[in-house]
Amino acid sequence: MSNNSNHDERFAKMIFGSVYPLYLAKVKRKGKTKEELDQIISWLTGFNVSSIQEMIERKVTFETFFQEAKINPNAKLITGVICGYRVEEIENPLTQQVRYLDKLVDELAKGRKMEKILREE
């Protein structure tokens, strides 16, 4: 992904709590649960369920959300294309982290096994 500051800035200012219901609706349409969604968010960010809810209530931006997160070291194992971009090639760290989350949500919605989504050996 080439450097696109407008694209990156848009992600930085986007409110996590406004996107979370969209993630939830997507996975529920495919028969998955809120608990499974929270599990993948927790795996990526280190947040527990109450921390995720607190982030939603605080109306934090993705920038703040990922600044406060402890990104899983295995996040680098998330590869593939999401929204036309190869996640491993995204240069902006915040945009890459948002796309990591998008990719995990997409994998959950497509029915991929949780062990594979969470990059467990």
Protein backbone atom coordinates (compact mmCIF):
# COMPACT_ATOMS: atom_id res chain seq x y z
CA MET A 1 0.00 0.00 0.00
CA SER A 2 1.50 3.27 -1.01
CA ASN A 3 1.72 6.14 1.40
CA ASN A 4 -1.70 7.71 1.41
CA SER A 5 -1.87 10.20 4.24
CA ASN A 6 -5.58 10.96 3.72
CA HIS A 7 -6.41 7.26 3.97
CA ASP A 8 -4.20 6.86 7.06
CA GLU A 9 -5.61 9.99 8.71
CA ARG A 10 -9.18 8.79 8.13
CA PHE A 11 -8.39 5.54 9.99
CA ALA A 12 -6.73 7.45 12.83
CA LYS A 13 -9.83 9.60 13.42
CA MET A 14 -12.41 6.83 12.98
CA ILE A 15 -14.21 5.95 16.24
CA PHE A 16 -13.70 2.31 17.25
CA GLY A 17 -17.16 2.18 18.84
CA SER A 18 -18.80 3.19 15.57
CA VAL A 19 -17.11 0.34 13.69
CA TYR A 20 -17.57 -2.36 16.37
CA PRO A 21 -21.34 -2.76 15.67
CA LEU A 22 -20.52 -3.24 11.98
CA TYR A 23 -18.02 -5.98 12.86
CA LEU A 24 -20.62 -7.57 15.14
CA ALA A 25 -23.34 -7.45 12.50
CA LYS A 26 -21.02 -9.01 9.94
CA VAL A 27 -20.06 -11.97 12.12
CA LYS A 28 -23.61 -12.50 13.42
CA ARG A 29 -24.93 -12.65 9.84
CA LYS A 30 -22.58 -15.59 9.38
CA GLY A 31 -23.69 -17.36 12.57
CA LYS A 32 -20.80 -16.24 14.77
CA THR A 33 -21.07 -14.67 18.22
CA LYS A 34 -20.10 -11.49 20.04
CA GLU A 35 -17.90 -13.66 22.28
CA GLU A 36 -15.97 -14.91 19.24
CA LEU A 37 -15.57 -11.35 17.95
CA ASP A 38 -14.33 -10.19 21.36
CA GLN A 39 -11.93 -13.15 21.47
CA ILE A 40 -10.22 -12.15 18.24
CA ILE A 41 -10.08 -8.48 19.29
CA SER A 42 -8.57 -9.55 22.61
CA TRP A 43 -6.01 -11.75 20.87
CA LEU A 44 -4.88 -8.90 18.62
CA THR A 45 -4.94 -6.07 21.18
CA GLY A 46 -4.49 -7.63 24.62
CA PHE A 47 -7.73 -5.98 25.79
CA ASN A 48 -10.19 -8.03 27.84
CA VAL A 49 -13.93 -7.81 27.24
CA SER A 50 -14.45 -5.04 29.79
CA SER A 51 -11.59 -3.02 28.26
CA ILE A 52 -13.14 -3.37 24.82
CA GLN A 53 -16.47 -2.13 26.21
CA GLU A 54 -14.71 0.76 27.95
CA MET A 55 -13.07 1.78 24.65
CA ILE A 56 -16.51 1.79 23.02
CA GLU A 57 -18.01 3.88 25.82
CA ARG A 58 -15.09 6.34 25.78
CA LYS A 59 -15.61 6.77 22.04
CA VAL A 60 -11.88 6.39 21.38
CA THR A 61 -10.46 6.73 17.90
CA PHE A 62 -8.65 3.84 16.26
CA GLU A 63 -5.47 5.82 16.89
CA THR A 64 -6.07 5.80 20.67
CA PHE A 65 -7.40 2.24 20.59
CA PHE A 66 -4.22 0.88 19.04
CA GLN A 67 -1.91 3.18 21.05
CA GLU A 68 -3.32 1.64 24.23
CA ALA A 69 -3.24 -1.91 22.83
CA LYS A 70 -0.49 -4.46 23.31
CA ILE A 71 -0.39 -5.89 19.80
CA ASN A 72 0.10 -9.64 19.76
CA PRO A 73 3.59 -10.47 18.44
CA ASN A 74 2.00 -13.07 16.15
CA ALA A 75 0.01 -10.33 14.40
CA LYS A 76 2.81 -10.27 11.82
CA LEU A 77 1.54 -13.72 10.76
CA ILE A 78 -1.68 -12.11 9.49
CA THR A 79 -1.30 -12.01 5.73
CA GLY A 80 -3.51 -11.75 2.71
CA VAL A 81 -5.70 -9.23 0.98
CA ILE A 82 -8.35 -7.09 2.64
CA CYS A 83 -10.17 -4.31 0.79
CA GLY A 84 -7.74 -4.69 -2.10
CA TYR A 85 -4.58 -4.25 -0.02
CA ARG A 86 -2.06 -6.86 1.05
CA VAL A 87 -1.96 -6.37 4.85
CA GLU A 88 1.68 -7.37 5.17
CA GLU A 89 2.69 -4.60 2.73
CA ILE A 90 0.88 -1.71 4.41
CA GLU A 91 3.49 0.82 5.48
CA ASN A 92 1.60 2.92 8.02
CA PRO A 93 1.57 0.99 11.34
CA LEU A 94 -1.88 2.21 12.43
CA THR A 95 -3.48 1.48 9.07
CA GLN A 96 -1.86 -1.96 9.11
CA GLN A 97 -3.25 -2.67 12.60
CA VAL A 98 -6.76 -1.60 11.55
CA ARG A 99 -6.49 -3.85 8.50
CA TYR A 100 -5.23 -6.71 10.71
CA LEU A 101 -8.45 -6.38 12.70
CA ASP A 102 -10.51 -6.20 9.51
CA LYS A 103 -8.80 -9.36 8.24
CA LEU A 104 -9.46 -11.26 11.48
CA VAL A 105 -13.13 -10.23 11.44
CA ASP A 106 -13.35 -11.31 7.82
CA GLU A 107 -11.80 -14.70 8.60
CA LEU A 108 -14.24 -15.21 11.49
CA ALA A 109 -17.19 -14.31 9.28
CA LYS A 110 -15.99 -16.75 6.62
CA GLY A 111 -16.00 -19.59 9.15
CA ARG A 112 -12.27 -20.10 9.52
CA LYS A 113 -11.36 -22.15 12.59
CA MET A 114 -10.48 -20.07 15.65
CA GLU A 115 -7.07 -21.77 16.01
CA LYS A 116 -6.19 -20.59 12.50
CA ILE A 117 -7.55 -17.09 13.04
CA LEU A 118 -5.52 -16.73 16.24
CA ARG A 119 -2.39 -18.02 14.51
CA GLU A 120 -1.92 -20.80 17.06
CA GLU A 121 0.48 -23.59 16.22
